[in-house]
Protein backbone atom coordinates (compact mmCIF):
# COMPACT_ATOMS: atom_id res chain seq x y z
CA MET A 1 -0.03 -0.03 0.03
CA GLY A 2 1.48 3.41 -0.96
CA PRO A 3 1.46 6.60 0.92
CA LEU A 4 -1.75 8.73 1.20
CA LEU A 5 -1.52 12.29 0.03
CA ASP A 6 -3.85 14.82 1.84
CA VAL A 7 -4.28 18.52 2.14
CA PRO A 8 -1.04 20.34 3.15
CA SER A 9 -0.18 20.30 6.81
CA ALA A 10 1.74 22.78 8.85
CA ARG A 11 5.05 21.08 9.51
CA GLY A 12 7.73 19.92 7.11
CA ARG A 13 11.03 18.20 7.48
CA GLY A 14 13.24 21.14 6.63
CA GLY A 15 16.34 20.97 4.51
CA GLN A 16 17.39 22.50 1.24
CA PHE A 17 17.71 20.30 -1.77
CA LEU A 18 21.08 20.26 -3.37
CA GLU A 19 22.11 19.16 -6.82
CA ASP A 20 24.05 16.10 -5.63
CA VAL A 21 20.96 13.94 -5.70
CA ALA A 22 20.31 14.91 -9.32
CA ALA A 23 23.76 14.22 -10.53
CA PRO A 24 24.03 11.45 -13.15
CA ARG A 25 25.87 8.42 -12.05
CA ARG A 26 29.05 7.83 -13.95
CA SER A 27 30.35 4.50 -14.99
CA ALA A 28 33.89 4.22 -13.70
CA HIS A 29 34.92 0.66 -14.29
CA ARG A 30 38.49 0.98 -15.44
CA VAL A 31 40.86 -1.68 -14.10
CA LEU A 32 43.53 -0.24 -11.83
CA ARG A 33 46.22 -1.96 -9.88
CA THR A 34 46.83 -0.50 -6.44
CA THR A 35 50.02 -0.54 -4.47
CA ALA A 36 50.11 1.30 -1.21
CA LEU A 37 53.28 3.27 -0.50
CA ILE A 38 54.24 2.13 3.04
CA PRO A 39 56.57 4.33 4.96
CA LEU A 40 59.88 2.63 5.64
CA LEU A 41 60.98 1.61 9.13
CA GLY A 42 64.41 2.97 8.39
CA LEU A 43 62.97 6.33 7.82
CA VAL A 44 61.11 6.10 11.12
CA ALA A 45 64.33 5.18 12.90
CA GLY A 46 66.16 8.11 11.25
CA LEU A 47 63.46 10.54 12.36
CA ALA A 48 63.59 9.17 15.90
CA ALA A 49 67.42 9.62 15.90
CA CYS A 50 67.20 13.18 14.78
CA GLY A 51 64.47 13.97 17.28
CA ALA A 52 60.94 14.75 15.94
CA PRO A 53 59.49 18.13 16.61
CA ARG A 54 56.94 18.31 19.46
CA PRO A 55 53.18 18.20 18.55
CA VAL A 56 51.43 21.52 18.37
CA GLU A 57 48.81 21.98 21.13
CA GLN A 58 46.10 24.64 21.29
CA PRO A 59 44.52 25.97 24.49
CA LEU A 60 40.94 24.81 24.84
CA GLU A 61 39.55 28.32 25.26
CA SER A 62 40.94 29.48 22.03
CA ALA A 63 38.44 27.38 20.12
CA ARG A 64 35.51 29.18 21.70
CA VAL A 65 35.93 32.77 20.78
CA ALA A 66 36.42 33.38 17.08
CA ALA A 67 33.53 34.16 14.74
CA ALA A 68 33.10 33.71 10.97
CA PRO A 69 36.18 33.38 8.70
CA PRO A 70 36.64 35.63 5.75
CA VAL A 71 34.97 33.39 3.24
CA PRO A 72 34.83 34.37 -0.45
CA SER A 73 31.88 36.45 -1.52
CA THR A 74 30.88 33.63 -3.81
CA TRP A 75 30.30 31.21 -0.97
CA ARG A 76 26.57 30.50 -0.51
CA HIS A 77 26.33 29.30 3.07
CA THR A 78 26.97 32.55 4.96
CA GLY A 79 23.79 32.95 7.07
CA ASP A 80 22.80 31.32 10.28
CA PRO A 81 21.74 27.67 9.53
CA GLY A 82 19.54 27.49 12.57
CA THR A 83 22.09 27.44 15.43
CA ALA A 84 20.53 26.55 18.82
CA ARG A 85 21.83 27.11 22.33
CA ALA A 86 20.69 25.33 25.46
CA PRO A 87 22.16 24.79 28.89
CA ARG A 88 21.35 21.07 29.49
CA ALA A 89 20.74 19.02 26.34
CA MET A 90 20.94 19.28 22.60
CA VAL A 91 19.87 17.23 19.49
CA VAL A 92 20.97 18.02 15.96
CA THR A 93 19.60 16.00 12.96
CA ASP A 94 18.92 16.36 9.24
CA ALA A 95 15.15 16.57 9.91
CA PRO A 96 13.24 18.87 12.27
CA LEU A 97 10.61 16.21 13.10
CA ALA A 98 13.35 13.76 14.15
CA THR A 99 15.05 16.47 16.17
CA ALA A 100 11.83 17.10 17.99
CA VAL A 101 11.36 13.43 18.76
CA GLY A 102 14.89 13.25 20.34
CA VAL A 103 14.34 16.35 22.45
CA ASP A 104 10.99 15.00 23.66
CA VAL A 105 12.67 11.73 24.80
CA LEU A 106 15.30 13.74 26.73
CA ARG A 107 12.62 15.98 28.30
CA ALA A 108 10.80 12.87 29.45
CA GLY A 109 13.88 11.64 31.30
CA GLY A 110 15.45 9.42 28.72
CA ASN A 111 19.22 9.39 28.21
CA ALA A 112 21.17 10.07 25.06
CA VAL A 113 20.96 6.44 23.87
CA ASP A 114 17.15 6.46 24.40
CA ALA A 115 16.98 9.64 22.31
CA ALA A 116 19.22 8.17 19.68
CA VAL A 117 16.99 5.09 19.29
CA ALA A 118 13.87 7.14 19.00
CA THR A 119 15.50 9.64 16.62
CA ALA A 120 16.84 6.88 14.30
CA PHE A 121 13.37 5.28 14.02
CA ALA A 122 11.86 8.69 13.34
CA LEU A 123 14.37 9.30 10.55
CA ALA A 124 13.42 6.01 9.01
CA VAL A 125 9.98 7.58 8.52
CA VAL A 126 10.61 11.24 7.73
CA TYR A 127 14.01 10.75 5.91
CA PRO A 128 13.46 7.44 4.12
CA GLU A 129 15.93 8.29 1.27
CA ALA A 130 18.83 8.09 3.76
CA GLY A 131 17.72 7.14 7.30
CA ASN A 132 16.13 3.75 6.93
CA ILE A 133 15.58 0.39 8.71
CA GLY A 134 16.64 -1.32 5.43
CA GLY A 135 20.24 -0.24 6.05
CA GLY A 136 22.75 -0.10 8.87
CA GLY A 137 25.20 2.18 10.69
CA PHE A 138 27.56 2.87 13.54
CA MET A 139 27.16 4.49 16.99
CA VAL A 140 29.84 6.00 19.20
CA ALA A 141 28.89 6.87 22.75
CA TYR A 142 30.61 8.46 25.74
CA PHE A 143 29.09 8.25 29.20
CA ALA A 144 29.41 10.54 32.20
CA ASP A 145 31.00 7.74 34.25
CA GLY A 146 33.84 7.46 31.76
CA ARG A 147 32.68 4.46 29.71
CA THR A 148 32.94 4.51 25.97
CA ALA A 149 31.19 2.36 23.38
CA ALA A 150 31.32 1.68 19.60
CA LEU A 151 28.53 -0.28 18.11
CA ASP A 152 28.81 -1.77 14.64
CA PHE A 153 25.49 -2.53 12.95
CA ARG A 154 26.85 -2.37 9.43
CA GLU A 155 25.09 -4.38 6.77
CA ARG A 156 26.83 -7.59 5.75
CA ALA A 157 27.02 -9.71 2.58
CA PRO A 158 24.47 -12.38 2.19
CA LEU A 159 25.71 -15.92 2.70
CA ALA A 160 25.27 -16.69 -1.02
CA ALA A 161 27.45 -13.67 -1.99
CA THR A 162 30.45 -14.46 -4.19
CA ARG A 163 33.62 -12.52 -4.98
CA ASP A 164 32.79 -11.92 -8.64
CA MET A 165 28.99 -11.58 -8.43
CA TYR A 166 28.97 -8.08 -9.95
CA LEU A 167 31.47 -8.71 -12.83
CA ASP A 168 30.24 -9.13 -16.42
CA GLU A 169 31.49 -11.73 -18.90
CA ARG A 170 34.62 -9.62 -19.48
CA GLY A 171 35.40 -9.51 -15.83
CA GLU A 172 34.42 -5.80 -15.52
CA PRO A 173 32.20 -4.38 -12.70
CA THR A 174 28.56 -3.58 -13.55
CA ASP A 175 25.94 -1.41 -11.89
CA ARG A 176 24.16 -4.42 -10.32
CA SER A 177 25.83 -3.46 -7.01
CA ILE A 178 24.11 -0.07 -7.13
CA THR A 179 20.48 -0.61 -8.24
CA GLY A 180 18.21 -3.61 -7.81
CA HIS A 181 17.67 -6.48 -5.53
CA LEU A 182 21.19 -7.97 -5.85
CA ALA A 183 22.72 -4.71 -4.46
CA ALA A 184 21.27 -5.17 -0.98
CA GLY A 185 23.29 -6.30 2.01
CA VAL A 186 21.61 -7.81 5.09
CA PRO A 187 20.15 -4.88 7.07
CA GLY A 188 21.57 -4.19 10.53
CA ALA A 189 19.71 -1.08 11.70
CA VAL A 190 16.99 -2.71 13.82
CA ALA A 191 19.36 -5.18 15.48
CA GLY A 192 21.79 -2.41 16.22
CA LEU A 193 19.30 0.01 17.77
CA TRP A 194 17.95 -2.88 19.92
CA ALA A 195 21.45 -3.71 21.05
CA ALA A 196 22.11 -0.12 22.05
CA HIS A 197 18.86 -0.01 23.96
CA GLN A 198 19.40 -3.24 25.79
CA ARG A 199 22.76 -2.21 27.07
CA PHE A 200 22.31 1.45 27.74
CA GLY A 201 18.66 2.47 27.32
CA THR A 202 16.38 3.32 30.24
CA LYS A 203 13.02 3.94 28.60
CA PRO A 204 10.63 1.15 27.48
CA TRP A 205 11.32 -0.02 23.94
CA ARG A 206 7.82 0.53 22.72
CA GLU A 207 7.80 4.10 24.06
CA LEU A 208 10.83 4.91 21.90
CA LEU A 209 9.12 3.60 18.69
CA GLU A 210 5.72 5.33 19.25
CA PRO A 211 6.73 8.61 17.73
CA ALA A 212 7.92 6.92 14.52
CA ILE A 213 4.79 4.74 14.37
CA ARG A 214 2.58 7.92 14.73
CA LEU A 215 4.52 9.72 11.98
CA ALA A 216 4.22 6.80 9.64
CA ARG A 217 0.50 6.25 10.37
CA ASP A 218 -0.70 9.89 10.61
CA GLY A 219 1.71 11.46 8.18
CA PHE A 220 3.82 14.52 7.91
CA ALA A 221 4.15 17.39 5.43
CA VAL A 222 6.38 16.85 2.42
CA ASP A 223 9.00 19.59 2.09
CA SER A 224 10.85 20.79 -1.02
CA HIS A 225 13.89 18.65 -0.28
CA PHE A 226 11.93 15.37 -0.09
CA ALA A 227 9.90 16.24 -3.12
CA ALA A 228 12.92 17.15 -5.19
CA ALA A 229 14.90 14.13 -4.04
CA ILE A 230 12.09 11.84 -5.24
CA ARG A 231 11.70 13.78 -8.49
CA ASN A 232 15.34 13.61 -9.39
CA ASP A 233 15.55 9.82 -8.70
CA SER A 234 12.15 9.02 -10.09
CA ALA A 235 13.43 7.11 -13.10
CA ARG A 236 15.25 4.66 -10.82
CA LEU A 237 12.39 4.38 -8.33
CA ALA A 238 9.88 3.79 -11.24
CA ARG A 239 11.69 0.62 -12.19
CA PHE A 240 10.33 -1.20 -9.14
CA PRO A 241 6.53 -1.40 -8.59
CA ALA A 242 6.58 -1.12 -4.81
CA SER A 243 8.89 1.94 -4.94
CA ALA A 244 6.77 3.54 -7.66
CA ALA A 245 3.61 2.98 -5.56
CA LEU A 246 5.29 4.45 -2.47
CA PHE A 247 7.19 7.42 -3.87
CA LEU A 248 5.29 8.10 -7.15
CA PRO A 249 1.67 7.65 -6.29
CA GLY A 250 -0.50 8.38 -9.30
CA GLY A 251 2.66 8.37 -11.36
CA ARG A 252 4.16 11.58 -9.92
CA PRO A 253 6.26 12.63 -6.90
CA PRO A 254 4.47 14.20 -3.98
CA ARG A 255 4.39 17.98 -4.00
CA PRO A 256 5.66 20.17 -1.16
CA GLY A 257 2.86 20.52 1.38
CA ASP A 258 1.26 17.15 0.61
CA THR A 259 0.76 14.89 3.62
CA TRP A 260 2.92 11.72 3.34
CA ARG A 261 1.64 8.58 5.03
CA ASN A 262 3.25 5.14 5.02
CA PRO A 263 0.85 2.62 6.73
CA ASP A 264 2.90 -0.40 5.59
CA LEU A 265 5.95 0.97 7.46
CA ALA A 266 3.75 1.74 10.52
CA ALA A 267 2.74 -1.88 10.63
CA VAL A 268 6.35 -3.03 10.42
CA LEU A 269 7.30 -0.61 13.25
CA GLU A 270 4.40 -1.95 15.29
CA ARG A 271 5.81 -5.47 14.94
CA ILE A 272 9.29 -4.28 15.99
CA ALA A 273 7.79 -2.39 18.95
CA GLU A 274 6.02 -5.53 20.05
CA ARG A 275 8.68 -8.20 19.38
CA GLY A 276 12.01 -6.34 19.17
CA PRO A 277 14.37 -7.55 16.46
CA ALA A 278 12.23 -10.65 15.95
CA GLY A 279 9.59 -8.26 14.53
CA PHE A 280 11.99 -7.60 11.65
CA TYR A 281 14.31 -10.56 11.24
CA GLU A 282 11.56 -13.22 11.70
CA GLY A 283 7.97 -13.60 11.07
CA GLU A 284 5.87 -11.50 8.64
CA THR A 285 8.53 -8.78 8.03
CA ALA A 286 11.23 -11.35 7.21
CA ASP A 287 8.72 -13.21 4.89
CA LEU A 288 8.14 -9.93 3.02
CA ILE A 289 11.85 -9.23 2.66
CA VAL A 290 12.60 -12.76 1.37
CA ALA A 291 9.61 -12.71 -1.00
CA GLU A 292 10.90 -9.36 -2.41
CA MET A 293 14.40 -10.89 -2.89
CA GLN A 294 12.89 -13.85 -4.75
CA ARG A 295 10.70 -11.57 -6.87
CA GLY A 296 13.73 -9.58 -8.10
CA GLY A 297 16.62 -12.04 -8.13
CA GLY A 298 18.14 -11.01 -4.83
CA ILE A 299 19.93 -13.44 -2.55
CA ILE A 300 19.00 -12.49 1.02
CA THR A 301 17.43 -15.44 2.77
CA HIS A 302 15.68 -16.24 6.05
CA GLU A 303 18.98 -17.64 7.34
CA ASP A 304 20.75 -14.32 6.49
CA LEU A 305 18.16 -12.41 8.50
CA ARG A 306 18.11 -14.84 11.40
CA SER A 307 21.92 -14.99 11.75
CA TYR A 308 22.56 -11.20 11.63
CA GLU A 309 24.18 -9.83 14.81
CA PRO A 310 25.62 -6.39 15.58
CA ARG A 311 29.13 -6.13 17.04
CA TRP A 312 30.42 -4.14 19.98
CA ARG A 313 33.90 -2.93 18.98
CA GLU A 314 36.80 -1.21 20.77
CA PRO A 315 36.57 2.46 19.89
CA ILE A 316 39.37 4.24 18.08
CA GLU A 317 41.04 6.75 20.44
CA PHE A 318 43.65 9.30 19.68
CA ARG A 319 44.68 12.80 20.56
CA TYR A 320 44.77 15.92 18.42
CA ARG A 321 46.22 19.12 19.94
CA GLY A 322 46.00 17.55 23.28
CA ARG A 323 42.30 16.61 23.03
CA ARG A 324 41.12 13.07 23.48
CA ILE A 325 39.03 11.91 20.44
CA ILE A 326 36.80 8.83 20.29
CA SER A 327 35.69 7.50 16.93
CA MET A 328 34.52 4.39 15.10
CA PRO A 329 36.84 1.45 14.32
CA PRO A 330 36.69 -0.92 11.34
CA PRO A 331 34.64 -2.00 9.41
CA SER A 332 34.24 1.80 9.48
CA SER A 333 37.37 3.36 8.00
CA GLY A 334 36.42 6.66 9.57
CA GLY A 335 38.22 6.60 12.88
CA ILE A 336 41.58 5.30 11.67
CA THR A 337 41.62 7.58 8.62
CA LEU A 338 40.61 10.55 10.73
CA ALA A 339 43.41 9.68 13.21
CA LEU A 340 45.89 9.28 10.31
CA ILE A 341 45.04 12.83 9.02
CA ALA A 342 45.32 14.24 12.46
CA ASN A 343 48.57 12.51 13.39
CA ILE A 344 50.27 13.44 10.15
CA LEU A 345 49.42 17.11 10.82
CA GLU A 346 50.15 17.15 14.55
CA ASN A 347 53.45 19.08 14.18
CA ASP A 348 52.13 21.69 11.74
CA ASP A 349 50.72 24.85 13.26
CA LEU A 350 47.76 25.30 10.96
CA GLY A 351 46.50 28.18 12.98
CA ARG A 352 49.66 30.19 12.34
CA LEU A 353 49.47 29.30 8.66
CA GLY A 354 45.92 30.63 8.56
CA TRP A 355 42.43 29.38 7.77
CA SER A 356 41.85 28.40 4.17
CA THR A 357 45.18 29.72 3.00
CA ALA A 358 47.13 27.81 0.25
CA PRO A 359 49.84 26.60 2.70
CA THR A 360 47.24 25.20 5.13
CA LEU A 361 45.10 23.58 2.36
CA HIS A 362 48.23 22.08 0.81
CA LEU A 363 49.29 20.39 4.00
CA VAL A 364 45.77 19.15 4.82
CA ALA A 365 45.32 17.79 1.30
CA GLU A 366 48.63 15.97 1.47
CA ALA A 367 47.71 14.41 4.80
CA MET A 368 44.34 13.35 3.36
CA ARG A 369 46.06 11.83 0.26
CA ARG A 370 48.31 9.66 2.46
CA ALA A 371 45.62 8.66 4.94
CA PHE A 372 43.35 7.44 2.14
CA ALA A 373 46.18 5.44 0.67
CA ASP A 374 46.40 3.48 3.92
CA ARG A 375 42.59 3.34 4.20
CA ASN A 376 42.11 1.85 0.79
CA HIS A 377 44.93 -0.74 1.11
CA PHE A 378 44.67 -1.97 4.65
CA LEU A 379 41.09 -1.60 5.96
CA GLY A 380 38.19 -4.06 5.78
CA ASP A 381 36.04 -6.10 8.08
CA PRO A 382 38.22 -7.07 11.18
CA ASP A 383 36.31 -10.35 11.49
CA PHE A 384 37.73 -11.37 8.06
CA VAL A 385 41.03 -9.56 7.62
CA GLU A 386 43.95 -8.64 9.88
CA ILE A 387 44.26 -4.94 10.27
CA PRO A 388 47.50 -3.37 11.58
CA ARG A 389 45.49 -1.07 13.81
CA ALA A 390 48.29 -0.21 16.29
CA ARG A 391 50.76 0.48 13.50
CA LEU A 392 48.36 2.71 11.59
CA LEU A 393 47.58 4.72 14.73
CA SER A 394 51.16 5.09 15.85
CA ARG A 395 53.00 8.42 15.89
CA GLU A 396 55.89 6.74 14.17
CA HIS A 397 53.77 5.75 11.23
CA ALA A 398 52.43 9.25 10.91
CA ALA A 399 55.90 10.73 11.25
CA ALA A 400 57.07 8.57 8.32
CA TRP A 401 54.27 9.83 6.15
CA ARG A 402 54.96 13.37 7.28
CA ALA A 403 58.57 13.11 6.12
CA THR A 404 57.36 12.42 2.56
CA ILE A 405 55.37 15.76 2.39
CA SER A 406 57.04 18.71 0.75
CA ARG A 407 55.65 22.21 1.54
CA GLU A 408 56.73 23.34 -1.95
CA ARG A 409 55.30 20.54 -4.03
CA ALA A 410 52.24 18.29 -4.19
CA THR A 411 53.04 14.59 -4.24
CA PRO A 412 51.48 13.03 -7.34
CA SER A 413 49.26 10.15 -6.43
CA SER A 414 51.01 8.11 -9.07
CA GLU A 415 53.94 8.00 -6.61
CA ILE A 416 51.60 6.36 -4.11
CA VAL A 417 49.01 4.51 -6.18
CA ALA A 418 49.00 4.22 -9.96
CA GLY A 419 45.98 5.60 -11.89
CA ALA A 420 43.14 8.02 -11.52
CA VAL A 421 39.42 7.45 -11.83
CA PRO A 422 36.19 9.55 -11.88
CA VAL A 423 34.32 10.21 -8.55
CA GLU A 424 30.71 10.60 -7.72
CA GLU A 425 28.84 11.17 -4.47
CA GLY A 426 25.28 10.53 -3.45
CA ALA A 427 23.43 12.06 -0.57
CA HIS A 428 23.04 8.68 1.03
CA THR A 429 23.63 8.90 4.76
CA THR A 430 22.31 10.69 7.79
CA HIS A 431 24.11 11.61 10.93
CA PHE A 432 22.88 13.01 14.25
CA SER A 433 24.45 14.21 17.43
CA ILE A 434 22.97 14.15 20.92
CA VAL A 435 24.02 15.17 24.45
CA ASP A 436 21.80 14.68 27.48
CA PRO A 437 21.55 16.47 30.85
CA GLU A 438 23.57 13.76 32.59
CA GLY A 439 26.75 14.31 30.51
CA ASN A 440 26.30 11.40 28.08
CA ALA A 441 26.87 11.87 24.37
CA VAL A 442 25.95 9.89 21.25
CA ALA A 443 27.15 10.32 17.66
CA LEU A 444 25.24 7.98 15.32
CA THR A 445 25.39 7.64 11.53
CA THR A 446 23.04 5.44 9.52
CA THR A 447 22.89 4.72 5.79
CA ILE A 448 21.41 2.88 2.88
CA ASN A 449 24.39 4.03 0.70
CA GLU A 450 23.09 5.61 -2.55
CA LEU A 451 20.18 8.10 -2.25
CA PHE A 452 17.16 5.78 -1.98
CA GLY A 453 19.58 2.85 -1.59
CA SER A 454 18.97 0.11 -4.11
CA ALA A 455 15.68 1.86 -5.16
CA VAL A 456 13.89 -1.42 -4.20
CA THR A 457 11.03 -1.00 -1.62
CA VAL A 458 9.95 -4.22 0.13
CA THR A 459 6.42 -4.84 -1.05
CA GLY A 460 3.96 -4.59 1.78
CA ALA A 461 6.60 -3.28 4.18
CA GLY A 462 7.15 0.36 3.09
CA PHE A 463 10.86 0.59 3.50
CA LEU A 464 13.81 0.70 1.02
CA LEU A 465 16.62 -1.78 0.87
CA ASN A 466 20.18 -0.58 0.85
CA ASP A 467 22.76 -0.89 -1.91
CA GLU A 468 25.73 -1.35 0.40
CA MET A 469 27.23 -4.22 -1.58
CA ASP A 470 28.74 -1.48 -3.80
CA ASP A 471 30.94 -0.50 -0.82
CA PHE A 472 32.86 -3.74 -1.27
CA ALA A 473 35.73 -3.90 -3.74
CA SER A 474 33.65 -5.82 -6.34
CA LYS A 475 36.92 -6.00 -8.34
CA PRO A 476 39.93 -5.03 -6.17
CA GLY A 477 41.72 -2.26 -8.04
CA ALA A 478 38.60 -0.99 -9.79
CA PRO A 479 36.57 2.10 -8.50
CA ASN A 480 33.19 1.93 -6.79
CA MET A 481 30.53 4.56 -7.15
CA TYR A 482 32.60 7.01 -5.05
CA GLY A 483 35.64 6.52 -7.17
CA LEU A 484 37.38 4.70 -4.29
CA VAL A 485 39.96 2.12 -5.44
CA GLN A 486 40.12 -0.54 -2.78
CA GLY A 487 42.21 -3.59 -2.17
CA GLU A 488 41.83 -7.27 -1.20
CA ALA A 489 41.02 -6.47 2.41
CA ASN A 490 37.63 -5.26 1.28
CA ALA A 491 36.83 -8.00 -1.30
CA ILE A 492 33.40 -9.67 -1.19
CA GLU A 493 33.00 -12.70 1.11
CA PRO A 494 29.86 -14.37 2.44
CA GLY A 495 28.79 -12.79 5.80
CA LYS A 496 31.44 -10.07 5.60
CA ARG A 497 30.78 -6.43 6.43
CA MET A 498 31.68 -3.92 3.75
CA LEU A 499 34.12 -1.03 4.52
CA SER A 500 32.48 2.33 5.37
CA ALA A 501 33.51 5.94 5.67
CA MET A 502 31.06 6.77 8.47
CA THR A 503 32.87 8.69 11.20
CA PRO A 504 30.73 9.30 14.28
CA THR A 505 33.07 11.13 16.63
CA ILE A 506 33.16 12.60 20.17
CA VAL A 507 35.84 14.98 21.35
CA LEU A 508 36.38 15.37 25.10
CA ASP A 509 37.64 18.40 27.01
CA GLU A 510 40.52 18.41 29.57
CA GLN A 511 38.22 16.97 32.25
CA ASP A 512 37.12 14.14 30.00
CA ARG A 513 33.68 15.60 29.44
CA PRO A 514 31.96 15.69 26.06
CA TRP A 515 33.00 18.85 24.17
CA LEU A 516 32.42 18.34 20.47
CA VAL A 517 30.04 15.75 19.00
CA THR A 518 30.13 15.41 15.30
CA GLY A 519 29.85 13.16 12.23
CA ALA A 520 28.69 13.58 8.61
CA ARG A 521 27.05 12.19 5.54
CA GLY A 522 28.65 12.16 2.06
CA GLY A 523 30.57 8.96 1.17
CA PRO A 524 34.32 9.25 1.59
CA ARG A 525 33.92 12.96 2.10
CA ILE A 526 32.49 12.18 5.51
CA ILE A 527 36.00 11.67 6.92
CA THR A 528 37.42 14.89 5.47
CA ALA A 529 34.39 16.92 6.50
CA VAL A 530 34.69 15.68 10.11
CA PHE A 531 38.40 16.58 10.20
CA GLN A 532 37.66 20.07 8.89
CA VAL A 533 35.07 20.80 11.43
CA LEU A 534 37.48 19.54 14.15
CA SER A 535 40.35 21.64 12.72
CA ASN A 536 38.24 24.73 12.23
CA VAL A 537 37.34 24.75 15.92
CA VAL A 538 40.68 23.58 17.38
CA ASP A 539 43.26 25.00 14.98
CA HIS A 540 41.57 28.14 13.73
CA GLY A 541 39.42 29.09 16.71
CA LEU A 542 36.17 29.38 14.82
CA ASP A 543 32.80 29.22 16.56
CA LEU A 544 30.76 26.14 15.72
CA THR A 545 28.44 27.88 13.24
CA ALA A 546 31.42 29.11 11.24
CA ALA A 547 33.23 25.72 11.63
CA VAL A 548 30.27 23.88 10.14
CA THR A 549 29.26 26.25 7.45
CA ALA A 550 32.72 27.03 6.21
CA PRO A 551 33.67 25.79 2.73
CA ARG A 552 35.60 22.45 2.52
CA ILE A 553 38.09 20.66 0.44
CA HIS A 554 38.58 16.90 -0.14
CA HIS A 555 41.30 14.62 -1.41
CA GLN A 556 40.82 10.91 -1.35
CA HIS A 557 44.13 9.77 -2.92
CA LEU A 558 42.47 8.59 -6.13
CA PRO A 559 41.48 10.35 -8.27
CA ASP A 560 44.47 12.68 -7.95
CA VAL A 561 42.28 15.73 -7.63
CA LEU A 562 41.95 18.30 -4.85
CA PHE A 563 38.21 19.01 -4.76
CA TYR A 564 36.71 22.20 -3.22
CA GLU A 565 33.09 23.27 -2.79
CA GLU A 566 32.12 25.59 -5.62
CA GLY A 567 32.50 29.21 -4.56
CA GLY A 568 34.46 28.27 -1.51
CA LEU A 569 38.00 29.25 -2.49
CA ALA A 570 39.29 32.52 -3.76
CA PRO A 571 40.71 32.46 -7.24
CA GLU A 572 44.15 33.39 -5.97
CA THR A 573 44.06 30.51 -3.57
CA VAL A 574 43.22 28.10 -6.36
CA ARG A 575 46.07 29.46 -8.46
CA ALA A 576 48.49 29.09 -5.54
CA LEU A 577 47.46 25.48 -5.01
CA GLU A 578 47.84 24.81 -8.74
CA ALA A 579 51.30 26.35 -8.58
CA LEU A 580 52.18 23.74 -5.95
CA GLY A 581 51.24 21.03 -8.42
CA HIS A 582 47.63 20.16 -7.29
CA THR A 583 44.94 19.46 -9.76
CA VAL A 584 42.19 21.62 -8.29
CA GLN A 585 38.51 21.14 -9.24
CA PRO A 586 35.29 22.69 -7.92
CA ARG A 587 32.31 20.60 -7.00
CA SER A 588 28.77 21.95 -7.37
CA GLY A 589 27.61 19.59 -4.64
CA TYR A 590 28.60 19.45 -1.00
CA ILE A 591 31.64 17.92 0.69
CA GLY A 592 30.05 16.31 3.68
CA ASN A 593 27.11 17.47 5.77
CA ALA A 594 28.05 17.58 9.41
CA PRO A 595 25.45 18.39 12.09
CA SER A 596 27.47 19.03 15.22
CA ILE A 597 27.35 20.08 18.93
CA LEU A 598 29.93 22.03 20.89
CA ARG A 599 30.14 22.92 24.56
CA GLN A 600 30.67 26.65 24.84
CA GLY A 601 31.14 27.70 28.45
CA ASP A 602 28.00 26.59 30.21
CA VAL A 603 25.93 26.21 27.00
CA TRP A 604 25.56 23.60 24.39
CA VAL A 605 25.63 24.97 20.85
CA GLY A 606 23.94 22.85 18.14
CA VAL A 607 24.45 23.58 14.44
CA PRO A 608 22.65 21.86 11.61
CA ASP A 609 24.72 21.87 8.36
CA PRO A 610 23.06 24.14 5.77
CA ARG A 611 24.35 21.97 2.91
CA VAL A 612 21.41 19.66 3.44
CA GLY A 613 19.48 21.40 6.18
CA GLY A 614 17.94 20.00 9.31
CA SER A 615 17.50 21.48 12.81
CA ALA A 616 19.07 21.81 16.26
CA ALA A 617 17.02 22.01 19.49
CA GLY A 618 17.63 21.66 23.20
CA PHE A 619 16.60 22.78 26.68
């Protein structure tokens, strides 16, 4: 049963539609051979013998006083995106209705994890193109008693998956990993949210699902972002009858102001509220998923669903400018890659070099380039591959990379990995940040990968299935939809979790209290966006609104291109970077979308990222 469209109602979801969701997908299936350039131990020893310079540290207060940077007049995000300030608690999400749900849970005495569970289910209703129970994600949490937690509820490959399942007769990757039933990994969201609640929640499970059930049953007002997102992906959605019925009722997308109802999803959420994960992975919902798979040639089975389990992982911890940072470990590449960028730059005084100057951007881009080289070569599912975690996080490893950076010349990626490929990004993920009155914090990112995932809606269930199988290296050495060229560590295996760029992150102050809570959406640009929010606050002293809204750059090693957000760099800065040897290219779309929270004195400051929109609220 599709959604019901009524007269316009008063409240929308908020959020400005950006052109990313309309961008055509490029076929980037050239064969490339990758070879990571691994810093030599002899170089490390030489650096140790000579005595490495001491890391640069910044006083904590310096990150709380500065205002907006001198951005170019061509930069479009210069206004207040909806910054909120509150003394006790804060929630920031990509959708105002989901923000309101999280705040209501906190006001009712729930903790940050309770609010995260309720918010995630609400996003599955009001933000179905990205926040969805047909996908998965990661959660990082810090508790007032000093405990930390990292929960992996990433999708995994079906048990019938094979290494070459997406290759054509010539051995080249196809788009079957992006659109259609075969693209879906086994969803982990429901099991993950249940695990978080069982370990840390305080409110009754059903109570946390009730807001999402009401939103699905009673409806909400369609906003311009949702309407445009559907319109621009309508050709893909129209290929699948259940998706066409849900998102294109009467053969057209809903208009802004229409009321969107999804009674099939409300029924699924009722079963989950009543039975927990069994309401999704067993019984009627599981039967609907498997029937949908059989209808379209997918391979997820009842056994895949029954056997799915989330994993509690050891969080990634490192320091940047003296601050303790907690982030997500593999199969998220976010925490290790973020730490690599930070560690490589630890001896460079970026604040002295200046915000968004060519010398600063050059060093940051070179650190990103090297961090992504390691990311693409070493990282995968730790249950399947051995990851040299301690080595990658070591100061010695970062020092060896740092020694290969020239301040006068960009290092061609051909000296690190051969080849270059096109790159695309979809607005596929949603991140939210929460702090509660007790001093607990949650950073949680969920995804279905591409916008609208695989474009397949489960008939009779009202939710989309992910296309996370494209995050595997379907052919090691060939690019995925984001242009990432990955190695054997991320090859497809039955039951394996695919590598991710999600980077939910919590930064603590000198008293080990939550200080900055952040994360992002945007494929591999998640990692670089999170680093730039962190650096803007810590290195350059920007207030959080300026730190989030400021223009960003991105380098992911391959292709060998330094991307920047269109209008975000002055022409003279672009010319200076080109003179250093960078290939510099503007992007009309965004580089990450990072809703964040910062402690400023006695007040929490919440900032939604204007690139996609959303809202912040607290009390």
